[in-house]
Amino acid sequence: QVQLAESGGGLVQPGGSLRLSCVASGRTIGTYAMGWFRQAPGNARQFVAAITGSGYSTLYGDSLQGRFTISRDNAKNTVYLQMNSLKPEDTAVYYCAADPLFRIRPVTPVSEYKYWGQGTQVTVSS
């Protein structure tokens, strides 16, 4: 069993930056693909970014590459999401998720991720 805990959310002005962290416990996640998703009120959960266990392959949601960067530190059992040039439409609860299958490339469907954190709120507003 893997437990995931997100942190780093908060209120930021448009154009600002935030760095989200996701710390895993219960077992090492070095072989797990890890993903970030977000959900705004009234909307479905949306894929944001994912990274394979090795860190060699990453994938981003539409129009997010270039502003968002996913990375991981397997020695710390932690995954990060660096978010730059934030926009009001980025406002959502951001969730970290773990995909326990070996992947050459990460995948996007919510259903492929078995373990989920509780989420951290990101609000972009002036």
C-alpha atoms as a PDB file:
ATOM      1  CA  GLN A   1       0.000   0.000   0.000  1.00  0.00           C
ATOM      2  CA  VAL A   2       1.247   3.454  -0.897  1.00  0.00           C
ATOM      3  CA  GLN A   3       0.222   6.659   0.817  1.00  0.00           C
ATOM      4  CA  LEU A   4       0.694   9.949  -1.015  1.00  0.00           C
ATOM      5  CA  ALA A   5       0.744  13.395   0.567  1.00  0.00           C
ATOM      6  CA  GLU A   6       0.713  16.571  -1.504  1.00  0.00           C
ATOM      7  CA  SER A   7       1.878  19.972  -0.328  1.00  0.00           C
ATOM      8  CA  GLY A   8       2.823  23.340  -1.740  1.00  0.00           C
ATOM      9  CA  GLY A   9      -0.536  24.632  -2.853  1.00  0.00           C
ATOM     10  CA  GLY A  10      -1.846  28.074  -2.025  1.00  0.00           C
ATOM     11  CA  LEU A  11      -2.955  31.420  -3.355  1.00  0.00           C
ATOM     12  CA  VAL A  12      -0.829  32.992  -6.076  1.00  0.00           C
ATOM     13  CA  GLN A  13      -1.284  35.946  -8.410  1.00  0.00           C
ATOM     14  CA  PRO A  14      -1.577  35.431 -12.164  1.00  0.00           C
ATOM     15  CA  GLY A  15       1.878  35.025 -13.654  1.00  0.00           C
ATOM     16  CA  GLY A  16       3.248  33.609 -10.439  1.00  0.00           C
ATOM     17  CA  SER A  17       4.777  30.232  -9.668  1.00  0.00           C
ATOM     18  CA  LEU A  18       4.224  27.363  -7.281  1.00  0.00           C
ATOM     19  CA  ARG A  19       6.037  24.113  -6.664  1.00  0.00           C
ATOM     20  CA  LEU A  20       3.949  21.184  -5.542  1.00  0.00           C
ATOM     21  CA  SER A  21       5.479  18.209  -3.777  1.00  0.00           C
ATOM     22  CA  CYS A  22       4.154  14.691  -3.343  1.00  0.00           C
ATOM     23  CA  VAL A  23       5.803  12.500  -0.732  1.00  0.00           C
ATOM     24  CA  ALA A  24       5.139   8.775  -0.828  1.00  0.00           C
ATOM     25  CA  SER A  25       5.216   6.432   2.136  1.00  0.00           C
ATOM     26  CA  GLY A  26       4.511   2.757   2.658  1.00  0.00           C
ATOM     27  CA  ARG A  27       6.918   1.593  -0.024  1.00  0.00           C
ATOM     28  CA  THR A  28       9.417   3.035  -2.436  1.00  0.00           C
ATOM     29  CA  ILE A  29       7.957   4.422  -5.654  1.00  0.00           C
ATOM     30  CA  GLY A  30      11.104   4.209  -7.748  1.00  0.00           C
ATOM     31  CA  THR A  31       9.472   1.780 -10.194  1.00  0.00           C
ATOM     32  CA  TYR A  32       6.106   3.531 -10.278  1.00  0.00           C
ATOM     33  CA  ALA A  33       5.030   6.023 -12.874  1.00  0.00           C
ATOM     34  CA  MET A  34       3.704   9.079 -11.085  1.00  0.00           C
ATOM     35  CA  GLY A  35       1.173  11.603 -12.238  1.00  0.00           C
ATOM     36  CA  TRP A  36      -0.408  14.891 -11.348  1.00  0.00           C
ATOM     37  CA  PHE A  37      -4.067  15.581 -12.000  1.00  0.00           C
ATOM     38  CA  ARG A  38      -6.310  18.502 -11.201  1.00  0.00           C
ATOM     39  CA  GLN A  39      -9.995  19.023 -10.627  1.00  0.00           C
ATOM     40  CA  ALA A  40     -11.887  22.294 -10.648  1.00  0.00           C
ATOM     41  CA  PRO A  41     -15.407  22.552  -9.166  1.00  0.00           C
ATOM     42  CA  GLY A  42     -17.961  20.990 -11.501  1.00  0.00           C
ATOM     43  CA  ASN A  43     -15.307  19.546 -13.794  1.00  0.00           C
ATOM     44  CA  ALA A  44     -13.908  16.086 -14.315  1.00  0.00           C
ATOM     45  CA  ARG A  45     -10.456  15.237 -13.033  1.00  0.00           C
ATOM     46  CA  GLN A  46      -7.950  16.346 -15.660  1.00  0.00           C
ATOM     47  CA  PHE A  47      -4.527  14.951 -16.519  1.00  0.00           C
ATOM     48  CA  VAL A  48      -1.723  17.437 -15.883  1.00  0.00           C
ATOM     49  CA  ALA A  49       1.590  15.600 -16.143  1.00  0.00           C
ATOM     50  CA  ALA A  50       3.224  12.237 -15.555  1.00  0.00           C
ATOM     51  CA  ILE A  51       6.695  10.749 -15.317  1.00  0.00           C
ATOM     52  CA  THR A  52       8.020   7.215 -15.524  1.00  0.00           C
ATOM     53  CA  GLY A  53       9.825   5.549 -12.643  1.00  0.00           C
ATOM     54  CA  SER A  54      13.209   6.213 -14.196  1.00  0.00           C
ATOM     55  CA  GLY A  55      12.326   9.839 -14.863  1.00  0.00           C
ATOM     56  CA  TYR A  56      13.408   9.508 -18.478  1.00  0.00           C
ATOM     57  CA  SER A  57       9.967   9.929 -19.995  1.00  0.00           C
ATOM     58  CA  THR A  58       7.432  12.634 -19.214  1.00  0.00           C
ATOM     59  CA  LEU A  59       4.042  13.570 -20.583  1.00  0.00           C
ATOM     60  CA  TYR A  60       1.993  16.736 -20.225  1.00  0.00           C
ATOM     61  CA  GLY A  61      -1.610  17.718 -20.657  1.00  0.00           C
ATOM     62  CA  ASP A  62      -2.677  19.902 -23.542  1.00  0.00           C
ATOM     63  CA  SER A  63      -1.131  23.387 -23.462  1.00  0.00           C
ATOM     64  CA  LEU A  64       0.669  22.764 -20.163  1.00  0.00           C
ATOM     65  CA  GLN A  65       4.106  21.813 -21.434  1.00  0.00           C
ATOM     66  CA  GLY A  66       6.323  24.836 -21.272  1.00  0.00           C
ATOM     67  CA  ARG A  67       4.638  26.172 -18.152  1.00  0.00           C
ATOM     68  CA  PHE A  68       4.583  23.028 -15.986  1.00  0.00           C
ATOM     69  CA  THR A  69       7.478  20.682 -15.274  1.00  0.00           C
ATOM     70  CA  ILE A  70       7.233  17.339 -13.524  1.00  0.00           C
ATOM     71  CA  SER A  71      10.264  15.792 -11.852  1.00  0.00           C
ATOM     72  CA  ARG A  72      11.083  13.225  -9.218  1.00  0.00           C
ATOM     73  CA  ASP A  73      13.692  12.375  -6.617  1.00  0.00           C
ATOM     74  CA  ASN A  74      13.500   8.649  -5.980  1.00  0.00           C
ATOM     75  CA  ALA A  75      15.988   8.888  -3.115  1.00  0.00           C
ATOM     76  CA  LYS A  76      13.430  11.083  -1.345  1.00  0.00           C
ATOM     77  CA  ASN A  77      10.404   9.141  -2.597  1.00  0.00           C
ATOM     78  CA  THR A  78       9.069  12.456  -3.851  1.00  0.00           C
ATOM     79  CA  VAL A  79       7.572  13.850  -7.031  1.00  0.00           C
ATOM     80  CA  TYR A  80       7.358  17.537  -7.866  1.00  0.00           C
ATOM     81  CA  LEU A  81       5.299  19.760 -10.112  1.00  0.00           C
ATOM     82  CA  GLN A  82       6.810  23.136 -10.912  1.00  0.00           C
ATOM     83  CA  MET A  83       4.128  25.497 -12.194  1.00  0.00           C
ATOM     84  CA  ASN A  84       5.107  28.792 -13.808  1.00  0.00           C
ATOM     85  CA  SER A  85       3.165  31.587 -15.488  1.00  0.00           C
ATOM     86  CA  LEU A  86       0.060  30.528 -13.639  1.00  0.00           C
ATOM     87  CA  LYS A  87      -3.334  31.572 -14.954  1.00  0.00           C
ATOM     88  CA  PRO A  88      -6.724  31.829 -13.223  1.00  0.00           C
ATOM     89  CA  GLU A  89      -7.865  28.786 -15.187  1.00  0.00           C
ATOM     90  CA  ASP A  90      -5.182  26.735 -13.429  1.00  0.00           C
ATOM     91  CA  THR A  91      -7.196  27.076 -10.221  1.00  0.00           C
ATOM     92  CA  ALA A  92      -8.099  23.589  -8.997  1.00  0.00           C
ATOM     93  CA  VAL A  93      -7.335  20.919  -6.456  1.00  0.00           C
ATOM     94  CA  TYR A  94      -4.165  19.170  -7.573  1.00  0.00           C
ATOM     95  CA  TYR A  95      -3.766  15.462  -6.919  1.00  0.00           C
ATOM     96  CA  CYS A  96      -0.724  13.233  -6.978  1.00  0.00           C
ATOM     97  CA  ALA A  97      -1.227   9.651  -8.166  1.00  0.00           C
ATOM     98  CA  ALA A  98       0.826   6.474  -8.533  1.00  0.00           C
ATOM     99  CA  ASP A  99       0.660   3.939 -11.344  1.00  0.00           C
ATOM    100  CA  PRO A 100       2.228   0.690 -10.105  1.00  0.00           C
ATOM    101  CA  LEU A 101       2.706  -0.875 -13.552  1.00  0.00           C
ATOM    102  CA  PHE A 102       6.070  -0.688 -15.287  1.00  0.00           C
ATOM    103  CA  ARG A 103       5.798   1.879 -18.070  1.00  0.00           C
ATOM    104  CA  ILE A 104       8.129   2.856 -20.857  1.00  0.00           C
ATOM    105  CA  ARG A 105       5.967   5.920 -21.286  1.00  0.00           C
ATOM    106  CA  PRO A 106       3.496   7.378 -18.788  1.00  0.00           C
ATOM    107  CA  VAL A 107      -0.235   7.195 -19.414  1.00  0.00           C
ATOM    108  CA  THR A 108      -3.033   9.690 -18.962  1.00  0.00           C
ATOM    109  CA  PRO A 109      -6.241   7.916 -17.903  1.00  0.00           C
ATOM    110  CA  VAL A 110      -7.340   8.419 -14.312  1.00  0.00           C
ATOM    111  CA  SER A 111      -8.278   4.738 -14.142  1.00  0.00           C
ATOM    112  CA  GLU A 112      -4.658   3.633 -14.641  1.00  0.00           C
ATOM    113  CA  TYR A 113      -3.535   5.242 -11.395  1.00  0.00           C
ATOM    114  CA  LYS A 114      -4.126   3.096  -8.337  1.00  0.00           C
ATOM    115  CA  TYR A 115      -3.018   5.289  -5.458  1.00  0.00           C
ATOM    116  CA  TRP A 116      -4.102   8.880  -4.849  1.00  0.00           C
ATOM    117  CA  GLY A 117      -3.303  11.653  -2.451  1.00  0.00           C
ATOM    118  CA  GLN A 118      -5.865  13.910  -0.786  1.00  0.00           C
ATOM    119  CA  GLY A 119      -5.050  16.878  -2.979  1.00  0.00           C
ATOM    120  CA  THR A 120      -3.777  20.397  -2.458  1.00  0.00           C
ATOM    121  CA  GLN A 121      -5.665  23.543  -3.438  1.00  0.00           C
ATOM    122  CA  VAL A 122      -4.116  25.925  -5.943  1.00  0.00           C
ATOM    123  CA  THR A 123      -5.862  29.258  -6.417  1.00  0.00           C
ATOM    124  CA  VAL A 124      -4.668  31.752  -9.005  1.00  0.00           C
ATOM    125  CA  SER A 125      -6.254  35.131  -8.431  1.00  0.00           C
ATOM    126  CA  SER A 126      -5.370  38.778  -8.114  1.00  0.00           C
END
